């Protein structure tokens, strides 16, 4: 499932006109890595809510920007509704 989550993140970033050519799991989402602004992080959170039913609260935005790609994907996987992970 993590592979699907990661690919969705890459596709979403590319769709939002971010360069994902050299994206790796150790890059942070925020200023120290991909340099996503707060609105972009909110957009990513909404896309993951729509696609996977995973919700991140407004107060979590700062924490999201400090996460690496791998940490974000793991956080999404942990929050997946039970029905989404039962097919693994």
Protein backbone atom coordinates (compact mmCIF):
# COMPACT_ATOMS: atom_id res chain seq x y z
CA UNK A 1 0.00 0.00 0.00
CA UNK A 2 2.90 2.37 0.74
CA UNK A 3 3.98 2.16 -2.91
CA UNK A 4 0.52 3.28 -4.02
CA UNK A 5 0.55 6.12 -1.49
CA UNK A 6 4.01 7.26 -2.61
CA UNK A 7 3.01 7.16 -6.29
CA UNK A 8 -0.12 9.18 -5.55
CA UNK A 9 2.03 11.77 -3.75
CA UNK A 10 4.41 11.96 -6.72
CA UNK A 11 1.52 12.25 -9.18
CA UNK A 12 -0.14 14.94 -7.04
CA UNK A 13 3.08 16.97 -6.78
CA UNK A 14 3.66 16.71 -10.53
CA UNK A 15 0.06 17.76 -11.15
CA UNK A 16 0.72 20.79 -8.91
CA UNK A 17 3.77 21.66 -11.10
CA UNK A 18 6.46 20.57 -8.64
CA UNK A 19 9.61 18.95 -10.04
CA UNK A 20 9.63 15.35 -8.89
CA UNK A 21 12.50 14.20 -11.09
CA UNK A 22 14.94 13.59 -8.23
CA UNK A 23 12.40 12.99 -5.48
CA UNK A 24 13.58 10.55 -2.82
CA UNK A 25 12.14 9.24 0.42
CA UNK A 26 14.49 11.33 2.58
CA UNK A 27 13.36 14.71 1.23
CA UNK A 28 11.27 16.83 3.57
CA UNK A 29 8.01 18.22 2.27
CA UNK A 30 8.66 21.70 3.66
CA UNK A 31 11.41 24.32 3.32
CA UNK A 32 14.32 21.94 3.96
CA UNK A 33 13.35 19.74 1.00
CA UNK A 34 10.60 20.12 -1.59
CA UNK A 35 9.82 23.59 -0.25
CA UNK A 36 6.05 23.10 -0.24
CA UNK A 37 4.26 26.16 1.07
CA UNK A 38 1.39 25.84 3.54
CA UNK A 39 -1.23 26.08 0.78
CA UNK A 40 0.46 23.27 -1.15
CA UNK A 41 0.56 21.11 1.96
CA UNK A 42 -3.13 21.80 2.53
CA UNK A 43 -3.81 20.80 -1.10
CA UNK A 44 -1.88 17.55 -0.64
CA UNK A 45 -3.85 16.84 2.55
CA UNK A 46 -7.13 17.40 0.68
CA UNK A 47 -6.08 15.15 -2.17
CA UNK A 48 -5.23 12.36 0.27
CA UNK A 49 -8.55 12.85 2.02
CA UNK A 50 -10.38 12.56 -1.32
CA UNK A 51 -8.38 9.55 -2.54
CA UNK A 52 -7.77 7.56 0.64
CA UNK A 53 -10.18 9.00 3.21
CA UNK A 54 -7.23 10.08 5.36
CA UNK A 55 -7.68 13.32 7.27
CA UNK A 56 -5.02 15.67 8.62
CA UNK A 57 -6.17 18.51 10.86
CA UNK A 58 -5.21 22.13 10.30
CA UNK A 59 -3.04 22.00 13.40
CA UNK A 60 -0.97 19.23 11.79
CA UNK A 61 0.18 21.34 8.83
CA UNK A 62 3.43 22.36 10.52
CA UNK A 63 4.19 18.74 11.36
CA UNK A 64 3.51 17.68 7.77
CA UNK A 65 6.00 20.18 6.38
CA UNK A 66 8.68 18.68 8.65
CA UNK A 67 8.02 15.12 7.47
CA UNK A 68 10.07 13.36 4.85
CA UNK A 69 8.35 11.72 1.90
CA UNK A 70 8.74 8.32 3.60
CA UNK A 71 7.38 9.63 6.92
CA UNK A 72 4.39 11.19 5.19
CA UNK A 73 3.62 7.96 3.33
CA UNK A 74 3.88 5.99 6.59
CA UNK A 75 1.58 8.48 8.35
CA UNK A 76 -1.00 8.09 5.59
CA UNK A 77 -0.74 4.27 5.73
CA UNK A 78 -1.29 4.32 9.51
CA UNK A 79 -4.46 6.38 9.11
CA UNK A 80 -6.04 4.37 6.34
CA UNK A 81 -9.54 3.19 7.15
CA UNK A 82 -9.61 -0.54 7.99
CA UNK A 83 -11.52 -1.39 4.81
CA UNK A 84 -8.74 0.09 2.64
CA UNK A 85 -6.05 -2.12 4.20
CA UNK A 86 -8.04 -5.36 4.47
CA UNK A 87 -7.17 -6.34 0.90
CA UNK A 88 -3.41 -6.45 1.50
